[in-house]
Amino acid sequence: MGLKTGTKTETCITVIGSLNYDLVTYTSVFPKVGETIESNDFEPHIGGKGLNESISISKLLTKSDDGKDNYGNENVSLRLIGCVADDTFGKEILGYLKTFNLNYEYVKIFKNNNVKGDEIIKYKTPVAVILVEDNIGENRILFYPGTNNYLKFDNEYLNELFLNGNGKSKKNLIVIQNEIPDFINVINWADSNRKNEDYENGYNNYQVCYNPSPFKEINDLKFWKKIDLLIMNEIESINLFNLIITIDSNLSEDHKQELINQFNQNEANGNDKLKLCDYKKLSNFLFDYINNSEGSLSCLIVTLGSVGSIINFIDNEKKQLFLKSMSLAREKIVDTTGAGDTFFGAIISQITLNENFQNNKKLNTSDYKKLARSIGKHARSRRSSKPSWLGRLCSIQNFRTRRIDECPLHHLRQSYSGTISLQR
């Protein structure tokens, strides 16, 4: 049995993002310009940030045969919003979604041979061409958006998705990234509809969970104050910092230079990489900056590759945690593709389950084992025939699940006994 497919539940999780067909080539070395080399392997995968995140959430919240999910919460629904073309790749993606416990009825299918004026439109499902360097598992990705460019999230469509009988939930978590063109419209709509007449009746408390990837320069800094949960990697955090100090006219030049100097002290020693202490200061700055002047960011997570993750959040007062990654031998790292998406999905499942923690219902060892098994048995250490992250989750956050003490939520619980939740 699966998650509820309807949305009239206590909590509705809506993932809005791309559904891609990934063409993955494994090689020992990347070719130079004009060079042709023989690769080590090739695999087609089904992916995209929206699809990866929704499946990660589904696997972590899937109900057992008795109709309850692994944590006793019967009032969670999950749906995926995106699009594909009516082509071979699109049909395979839709067939794959049928095997998971999520509602994908809002995945729009663009039919080919549509006529627009004198032009015949040939729609194509989004495709990612991925090169993976075998010896270190790192990747390079070339993304073609395809039908994503034609999916428009105007107010009429968003009202249909959330207000017209489709999203009557007490809490709506909107999970979104930058792979669709209209992500700004979605976040603006959610912010403007947080407290409508449905909210007064106990419904439709919208909470925005946002991963700004691929990073885009959004010059309206008020946009960032509309986010509830913000998760980004170290590069994206630096990009956001640079954006702030570049366009915020309220910061004096002396203050900007002071901020820059805080994070550039290593350059004097010939080291252009920030240290962990620098990223902690950077995370604190971003969290405070976004929350100043009517911002309501409840949680900021900055992932630092194999180092770990920094979490800034509010639990009565502002707090910061550093979660160190579990070690994994470099030769066992096969592919990092989709690792961040999977981590994001795991965080969303944690936020959803916090209702249990607020009621002092602690997860026991059996719960951790179920979670561990649902994430994947051999994270990052083998390839998978379906989305590449399913069999070897989270290179970045080191989701190793062979032993219970390697479960990420176990480490979170060991590090902090309170509640990390969204405040609005």
Protein backbone atom coordinates (compact mmCIF):
# COMPACT_ATOMS: atom_id res chain seq x y z
CA MET A 1 0.00 0.00 0.00
CA GLY A 2 1.25 3.50 -0.70
CA LEU A 3 1.03 7.11 0.34
CA LYS A 4 -2.40 8.65 -0.10
CA THR A 5 -2.84 9.82 -3.69
CA GLY A 6 -5.44 12.44 -2.79
CA THR A 7 -4.40 15.74 -1.27
CA LYS A 8 -7.08 16.35 1.39
CA THR A 9 -4.76 15.23 4.16
CA GLU A 10 -3.04 16.73 7.19
CA THR A 11 0.10 17.29 5.11
CA CYS A 12 0.41 17.44 1.33
CA ILE A 13 3.92 17.39 -0.16
CA THR A 14 4.00 18.83 -3.68
CA VAL A 15 7.26 18.39 -5.58
CA ILE A 16 7.58 20.69 -8.59
CA GLY A 17 10.52 20.00 -10.87
CA SER A 18 12.04 18.38 -13.89
CA LEU A 19 11.65 14.79 -15.09
CA ASN A 20 14.64 13.88 -17.25
CA TYR A 21 16.01 11.00 -19.21
CA ASP A 22 19.69 10.69 -18.30
CA LEU A 23 22.31 9.38 -20.70
CA VAL A 24 25.27 8.46 -18.48
CA THR A 25 28.75 7.62 -19.75
CA TYR A 26 31.49 6.33 -17.44
CA THR A 27 35.06 7.17 -18.38
CA SER A 28 38.53 7.19 -16.86
CA VAL A 29 39.33 10.57 -18.39
CA PHE A 30 37.30 13.31 -20.03
CA PRO A 31 38.08 13.89 -23.74
CA LYS A 32 39.87 17.05 -24.80
CA VAL A 33 38.56 19.32 -27.55
CA GLY A 34 38.53 17.38 -30.83
CA GLU A 35 39.48 14.12 -29.11
CA THR A 36 37.54 10.84 -29.26
CA ILE A 37 38.13 8.24 -26.57
CA GLU A 38 36.51 4.94 -25.69
CA SER A 39 34.37 5.01 -22.55
CA ASN A 40 34.25 2.29 -19.89
CA ASP A 41 30.46 1.93 -19.73
CA PHE A 42 27.14 3.53 -20.64
CA GLU A 43 23.78 3.44 -18.84
CA PRO A 44 20.44 5.15 -19.49
CA HIS A 45 18.79 6.38 -16.28
CA ILE A 46 15.59 8.14 -15.36
CA GLY A 47 16.17 11.26 -13.28
CA GLY A 48 15.62 14.99 -12.94
CA LYS A 49 15.55 16.90 -9.68
CA GLY A 50 11.77 16.78 -9.34
CA LEU A 51 11.61 13.04 -10.00
CA ASN A 52 14.62 12.20 -7.81
CA GLU A 53 13.30 14.19 -4.86
CA SER A 54 9.76 12.81 -5.10
CA ILE A 55 10.97 9.21 -5.23
CA SER A 56 13.33 9.81 -2.30
CA ILE A 57 10.40 11.14 -0.24
CA SER A 58 8.15 8.31 -1.39
CA LYS A 59 10.66 5.62 -0.40
CA LEU A 60 11.16 7.18 3.02
CA LEU A 61 7.43 7.62 3.75
CA THR A 62 6.00 4.55 2.02
CA LYS A 63 3.30 2.80 3.96
CA SER A 64 3.40 -0.82 4.96
CA ASP A 65 0.74 -3.38 4.08
CA ASP A 66 -1.41 -2.38 7.06
CA GLY A 67 -2.05 1.03 5.50
CA LYS A 68 0.24 2.99 7.78
CA ASP A 69 3.58 4.41 6.88
CA ASN A 70 6.72 3.41 8.74
CA TYR A 71 6.13 6.04 11.41
CA GLY A 72 2.39 5.74 12.05
CA ASN A 73 1.38 8.87 10.16
CA GLU A 74 -1.65 8.14 7.95
CA ASN A 75 -2.26 11.69 6.80
CA VAL A 76 0.56 12.45 4.36
CA SER A 77 0.07 12.72 0.60
CA LEU A 78 2.74 13.19 -2.06
CA ARG A 79 2.38 14.42 -5.61
CA LEU A 80 4.76 15.29 -8.43
CA ILE A 81 4.21 18.23 -10.81
CA GLY A 82 6.21 18.35 -14.02
CA CYS A 83 6.05 17.47 -17.69
CA VAL A 84 7.30 15.15 -20.42
CA ALA A 85 6.77 14.84 -24.14
CA ASP A 86 4.77 12.13 -25.83
CA ASP A 87 7.98 10.48 -27.02
CA THR A 88 9.92 7.32 -26.17
CA PHE A 89 11.75 8.88 -23.22
CA GLY A 90 8.56 10.41 -21.81
CA LYS A 91 6.62 7.16 -22.01
CA GLU A 92 9.41 5.29 -20.22
CA ILE A 93 9.48 7.89 -17.43
CA LEU A 94 5.71 7.63 -16.90
CA GLY A 95 5.93 3.85 -16.81
CA TYR A 96 8.64 4.07 -14.20
CA LEU A 97 6.60 6.39 -11.96
CA LYS A 98 3.88 3.74 -11.74
CA THR A 99 6.19 1.62 -9.59
CA PHE A 100 6.30 4.21 -6.77
CA ASN A 101 3.81 5.45 -4.19
CA LEU A 102 3.14 8.95 -5.41
CA ASN A 103 0.49 10.85 -7.32
CA TYR A 104 1.76 11.80 -10.78
CA GLU A 105 -1.57 12.68 -12.41
CA TYR A 106 -0.38 16.29 -12.68
CA VAL A 107 2.64 15.38 -14.81
CA LYS A 108 1.63 17.05 -18.06
CA ILE A 109 2.20 15.22 -21.35
CA PHE A 110 2.93 17.47 -24.32
CA LYS A 111 1.59 15.86 -27.49
CA ASN A 112 3.74 16.12 -30.57
CA ASN A 113 2.76 17.65 -33.92
CA ASN A 114 0.94 20.51 -32.23
CA VAL A 115 0.51 23.48 -34.55
CA LYS A 116 1.24 26.98 -33.23
CA GLY A 117 0.49 29.46 -36.00
CA ASP A 118 2.40 28.25 -39.04
CA GLU A 119 4.87 26.33 -36.89
CA ILE A 120 4.66 22.63 -36.04
CA ILE A 121 6.07 22.16 -32.54
CA LYS A 122 8.18 19.07 -31.89
CA TYR A 123 8.20 18.58 -28.14
CA LYS A 124 11.05 16.67 -26.52
CA THR A 125 11.35 15.21 -23.03
CA PRO A 126 14.14 16.86 -20.97
CA VAL A 127 17.47 15.07 -21.35
CA ALA A 128 20.68 15.20 -19.31
CA VAL A 129 23.96 14.02 -20.84
CA ILE A 130 26.19 13.01 -17.92
CA LEU A 131 29.89 12.19 -17.95
CA VAL A 132 31.12 10.36 -14.85
CA GLU A 133 34.83 10.11 -14.07
CA ASP A 134 35.21 6.53 -12.84
CA ASN A 135 38.22 6.91 -10.59
CA ILE A 136 36.65 9.58 -8.35
CA GLY A 137 32.93 9.31 -9.14
CA GLU A 138 32.58 13.02 -9.99
CA ASN A 139 30.34 14.11 -12.86
CA ARG A 140 29.75 16.77 -15.48
CA ILE A 141 26.21 17.37 -16.72
CA LEU A 142 24.83 18.96 -19.90
CA PHE A 143 21.09 19.55 -19.50
CA TYR A 144 18.49 20.10 -22.26
CA PRO A 145 15.23 21.45 -20.72
CA GLY A 146 12.89 20.31 -23.52
CA THR A 147 9.23 20.51 -22.46
CA ASN A 148 10.17 22.30 -19.23
CA ASN A 149 10.26 25.50 -21.31
CA TYR A 150 6.58 25.10 -22.16
CA LEU A 151 5.21 24.37 -18.67
CA LYS A 152 3.87 27.66 -17.30
CA PHE A 153 2.94 28.18 -13.65
CA ASP A 154 0.68 31.21 -13.88
CA ASN A 155 -1.78 32.13 -11.13
CA GLU A 156 -4.67 30.32 -12.84
CA TYR A 157 -2.75 27.04 -12.97
CA LEU A 158 -1.47 27.40 -9.41
CA ASN A 159 -5.00 28.12 -8.16
CA GLU A 160 -6.09 24.91 -9.87
CA LEU A 161 -3.28 22.96 -8.22
CA PHE A 162 -3.74 24.25 -4.68
CA LEU A 163 -7.04 26.05 -4.15
CA ASN A 164 -9.74 24.54 -6.33
CA GLY A 165 -10.39 21.48 -4.21
CA ASN A 166 -7.04 19.86 -5.02
CA GLY A 167 -4.90 21.01 -2.15
CA LYS A 168 -7.11 21.22 0.92
CA SER A 169 -4.49 20.24 3.46
CA LYS A 170 -3.63 21.81 6.79
CA LYS A 171 0.00 22.01 5.75
CA ASN A 172 1.32 22.19 2.19
CA LEU A 173 5.04 21.63 1.68
CA ILE A 174 6.07 22.92 -1.75
CA VAL A 175 9.40 21.39 -2.79
CA ILE A 176 10.99 23.22 -5.70
CA GLN A 177 14.29 23.94 -7.48
CA ASN A 178 15.45 25.94 -10.50
CA GLU A 179 15.08 23.37 -13.28
CA ILE A 180 11.70 24.79 -14.32
CA PRO A 181 11.46 28.32 -15.76
CA ASP A 182 8.61 29.62 -13.55
CA PHE A 183 9.98 28.71 -10.10
CA ILE A 184 9.86 32.38 -9.05
CA ASN A 185 6.14 32.56 -9.88
CA VAL A 186 5.46 29.46 -7.78
CA ILE A 187 7.28 30.83 -4.73
CA ASN A 188 5.68 34.28 -5.06
CA TRP A 189 2.23 32.68 -5.32
CA ALA A 190 2.81 30.51 -2.24
CA ASP A 191 3.97 33.52 -0.24
CA SER A 192 1.00 35.67 -1.25
CA ASN A 193 -1.49 32.88 -0.44
CA ARG A 194 -0.12 31.82 2.94
CA LYS A 195 -3.04 33.27 4.89
CA ASN A 196 -6.16 33.18 2.76
CA GLU A 197 -9.70 32.28 3.85
CA ASP A 198 -8.80 28.59 3.78
CA TYR A 199 -5.97 29.29 6.23
CA GLU A 200 -8.44 30.81 8.67
CA ASN A 201 -10.32 27.50 8.55
CA GLY A 202 -7.19 25.54 9.33
CA TYR A 203 -6.10 24.72 5.76
CA ASN A 204 -3.42 25.65 3.23
CA ASN A 205 -0.50 26.79 5.32
CA TYR A 206 2.05 26.94 2.52
CA GLN A 207 5.71 26.27 3.33
CA VAL A 208 8.34 26.63 0.62
CA CYS A 209 11.29 24.21 0.58
CA TYR A 210 13.78 25.47 -2.00
CA ASN A 211 17.03 24.27 -3.54
CA PRO A 212 18.47 27.04 -5.78
CA SER A 213 20.06 24.65 -8.27
CA PRO A 214 21.16 25.34 -10.91
CA PHE A 215 21.90 28.70 -9.31
CA LYS A 216 20.36 31.78 -10.93
CA GLU A 217 20.99 35.39 -9.98
CA ILE A 218 17.70 36.74 -8.61
CA ASN A 219 18.20 40.45 -8.13
CA ASP A 220 15.10 40.93 -5.98
CA LEU A 221 16.58 40.09 -2.58
CA LYS A 222 13.09 40.05 -1.03
CA PHE A 223 12.57 36.79 -2.93
CA TRP A 224 14.88 34.95 -0.53
CA LYS A 225 12.78 36.07 2.44
CA LYS A 226 9.83 34.03 1.13
CA ILE A 227 11.59 30.71 1.73
CA ASP A 228 10.96 28.45 4.75
CA LEU A 229 13.62 25.79 4.12
CA LEU A 230 16.66 26.63 2.00
CA ILE A 231 19.17 23.92 1.11
CA MET A 232 22.24 24.58 -1.03
CA ASN A 233 25.76 23.32 -1.57
CA GLU A 234 28.91 25.26 -0.82
CA ILE A 235 29.18 26.77 -4.31
CA GLU A 236 25.58 27.98 -4.26
CA SER A 237 26.07 29.51 -0.80
CA ILE A 238 29.05 31.48 -2.08
CA ASN A 239 27.06 32.56 -5.14
CA LEU A 240 24.26 33.84 -2.92
CA PHE A 241 26.73 35.71 -0.70
CA ASN A 242 28.34 37.35 -3.75
CA LEU A 243 24.90 38.30 -5.06
CA ILE A 244 23.96 39.95 -1.77
CA ILE A 245 27.09 42.05 -1.42
CA THR A 246 26.92 43.03 -5.10
CA ILE A 247 23.35 44.36 -5.26
CA ASP A 248 22.32 45.31 -1.71
CA SER A 249 22.65 49.07 -1.66
CA ASN A 250 21.90 49.16 2.08
CA LEU A 251 25.28 47.60 2.84
CA SER A 252 28.04 50.17 3.03
CA GLU A 253 31.22 49.58 1.04
CA ASP A 254 33.18 49.24 4.28
CA HIS A 255 30.72 46.61 5.56
CA LYS A 256 30.90 44.71 2.27
CA GLN A 257 34.68 44.67 2.40
CA GLU A 258 34.60 43.53 6.01
CA LEU A 259 32.34 40.63 5.04
CA ILE A 260 34.55 39.69 2.10
CA ASN A 261 37.64 39.72 4.31
CA GLN A 262 36.00 37.31 6.75
CA PHE A 263 35.89 34.63 4.09
CA ASN A 264 39.13 35.36 2.26
CA GLN A 265 41.67 35.01 5.05
CA ASN A 266 43.04 31.82 3.53
CA GLU A 267 44.20 33.59 0.36
CA ALA A 268 47.12 35.08 2.25
CA ASN A 269 48.37 31.54 2.78
CA GLY A 270 48.00 30.64 -0.90
CA ASN A 271 44.83 28.64 -0.27
CA ASP A 272 41.77 29.71 -2.24
CA LYS A 273 39.46 27.21 -0.54
CA LEU A 274 37.34 28.16 2.46
CA LYS A 275 37.73 26.23 5.68
CA LEU A 276 34.89 24.73 7.71
CA CYS A 277 34.99 27.68 10.13
CA ASP A 278 34.53 30.03 7.15
CA TYR A 279 31.47 28.15 5.94
CA LYS A 280 29.98 28.21 9.44
CA LYS A 281 30.36 32.00 9.49
CA LEU A 282 28.98 32.22 5.95
CA SER A 283 25.98 30.08 6.91
CA ASN A 284 25.32 32.27 9.95
CA PHE A 285 25.51 35.40 7.82
CA LEU A 286 23.07 34.07 5.20
CA PHE A 287 20.64 32.83 7.83
CA ASP A 288 20.65 36.15 9.69
CA TYR A 289 20.51 38.22 6.51
CA ILE A 290 17.49 36.40 5.09
CA ASN A 291 15.68 36.54 8.44
CA ASN A 292 16.26 40.27 8.89
CA SER A 293 13.47 42.60 7.76
CA GLU A 294 10.47 40.27 7.76
CA GLY A 295 12.23 37.14 6.54
CA SER A 296 10.92 33.85 7.93
CA LEU A 297 13.57 31.30 7.02
CA SER A 298 13.18 28.45 9.50
CA CYS A 299 16.05 26.28 8.34
CA LEU A 300 19.17 26.76 6.20
CA ILE A 301 21.27 23.75 5.22
CA VAL A 302 24.64 24.12 3.50
CA THR A 303 26.16 20.86 2.24
CA LEU A 304 29.94 20.64 2.07
CA GLY A 305 30.65 17.58 -0.02
CA SER A 306 32.49 14.85 1.82
CA VAL A 307 33.03 17.16 4.82
CA GLY A 308 29.42 17.17 6.02
CA SER A 309 26.53 19.62 6.39
CA ILE A 310 25.87 22.82 8.34
CA ILE A 311 22.33 23.35 9.60
CA ASN A 312 21.07 26.71 10.86
CA PHE A 313 17.58 26.65 12.36
CA ILE A 314 15.27 28.10 14.96
CA ASP A 315 14.12 26.15 18.01
CA ASN A 316 13.01 28.92 20.39
CA GLU A 317 16.33 30.51 19.54
CA LYS A 318 18.77 30.44 16.62
CA LYS A 319 21.03 27.39 16.58
CA GLN A 320 23.66 25.85 14.33
CA LEU A 321 24.67 22.21 13.94
CA PHE A 322 27.50 20.63 12.00
CA LEU A 323 26.90 17.04 10.91
CA LYS A 324 30.10 15.32 9.86
CA SER A 325 29.89 12.88 6.98
CA MET A 326 30.62 9.24 7.52
CA SER A 327 33.77 8.11 5.75
CA LEU A 328 33.71 6.03 2.59
CA ALA A 329 36.79 4.88 0.69
CA ARG A 330 37.28 6.87 -2.51
CA GLU A 331 37.50 3.71 -4.59
CA LYS A 332 33.98 2.78 -3.44
CA ILE A 333 32.46 6.03 -4.73
CA VAL A 334 30.92 5.22 -8.10
CA ASP A 335 28.77 8.22 -9.00
CA THR A 336 27.51 11.34 -7.20
CA THR A 337 24.68 12.04 -9.67
CA GLY A 338 21.44 12.81 -7.83
CA ALA A 339 23.03 12.65 -4.38
CA GLY A 340 21.94 16.15 -3.44
CA ASP A 341 18.39 15.53 -4.68
CA THR A 342 18.15 12.44 -2.51
CA PHE A 343 19.45 14.31 0.53
CA PHE A 344 16.83 17.01 -0.07
CA GLY A 345 14.11 14.35 -0.18
CA ALA A 346 15.37 12.83 3.06
CA ILE A 347 15.26 16.24 4.75
CA ILE A 348 11.66 16.74 3.60
CA SER A 349 10.70 13.37 5.08
CA GLN A 350 12.33 14.48 8.35
CA ILE A 351 10.35 17.74 8.37
CA THR A 352 7.15 15.80 7.72
CA LEU A 353 7.83 13.38 10.57
CA ASN A 354 8.62 16.12 13.07
CA GLU A 355 4.97 16.09 14.15
CA ASN A 356 5.79 12.81 15.87
CA PHE A 357 8.80 14.29 17.63
CA GLN A 358 6.80 17.25 18.89
CA ASN A 359 4.47 14.74 20.53
CA ASN A 360 7.49 13.07 22.15
CA LYS A 361 7.20 9.99 19.98
CA LYS A 362 10.82 8.95 19.47
CA LEU A 363 11.99 6.75 16.65
CA ASN A 364 13.31 3.41 17.86
CA THR A 365 16.03 1.22 16.41
CA SER A 366 13.52 -0.64 14.25
CA ASP A 367 12.40 2.67 12.73
CA TYR A 368 15.99 3.55 11.87
CA LYS A 369 16.50 0.18 10.22
CA LYS A 370 13.37 0.66 8.10
CA LEU A 371 14.61 4.08 7.09
CA ALA A 372 18.05 2.70 6.34
CA ARG A 373 16.66 -0.05 4.14
CA SER A 374 14.36 2.38 2.34
CA ILE A 375 17.24 4.68 1.48
CA GLY A 376 19.35 1.95 -0.06
CA LYS A 377 21.63 -0.80 1.08
CA HIS A 378 24.88 0.20 -0.54
CA ALA A 379 24.88 3.97 -0.86
CA ARG A 380 27.19 5.30 -3.55
CA SER A 381 29.15 2.07 -3.85
CA ARG A 382 27.40 0.52 -6.84
CA ARG A 383 25.52 1.49 -9.96
CA SER A 384 21.81 1.14 -10.45
CA SER A 385 19.84 0.31 -13.58
CA LYS A 386 17.22 2.89 -12.63
CA PRO A 387 17.89 6.41 -11.37
CA SER A 388 21.55 6.38 -10.61
CA TRP A 389 21.15 7.48 -7.00
CA LEU A 390 18.80 4.72 -5.90
CA GLY A 391 21.45 2.13 -5.20
CA ARG A 392 24.25 4.27 -3.83
CA LEU A 393 22.73 7.30 -2.17
CA CYS A 394 24.32 10.23 -1.03
CA SER A 395 27.90 10.74 -1.89
CA ILE A 396 27.72 14.32 -0.70
CA GLN A 397 26.11 13.60 2.64
CA ASN A 398 27.43 10.02 2.97
CA PHE A 399 24.15 8.21 3.52
CA ARG A 400 25.78 4.89 4.41
CA THR A 401 23.11 2.56 5.68
CA ARG A 402 24.76 -0.80 6.25
CA ARG A 403 24.70 -0.25 10.00
CA ILE A 404 22.15 1.59 12.05
CA ASP A 405 24.69 4.04 13.46
CA GLU A 406 25.35 5.20 9.88
CA CYS A 407 21.76 6.40 9.35
CA PRO A 408 21.69 10.21 8.82
CA LEU A 409 18.69 10.76 11.08
CA HIS A 410 20.44 8.76 13.78
CA HIS A 411 23.32 11.24 13.68
CA LEU A 412 20.89 14.13 13.76
CA ARG A 413 19.20 12.64 16.81
CA GLN A 414 22.55 12.03 18.51
CA SER A 415 23.61 15.62 17.82
CA TYR A 416 20.38 17.33 18.77
CA SER A 417 17.46 16.13 20.86
CA GLY A 418 15.08 18.99 20.09
CA THR A 419 12.89 19.66 17.08
CA ILE A 420 13.90 21.03 13.70
CA SER A 421 10.68 22.19 12.05
CA LEU A 422 9.24 24.89 9.83
CA GLN A 423 7.82 27.73 11.88
CA ARG A 424 5.11 29.16 9.63
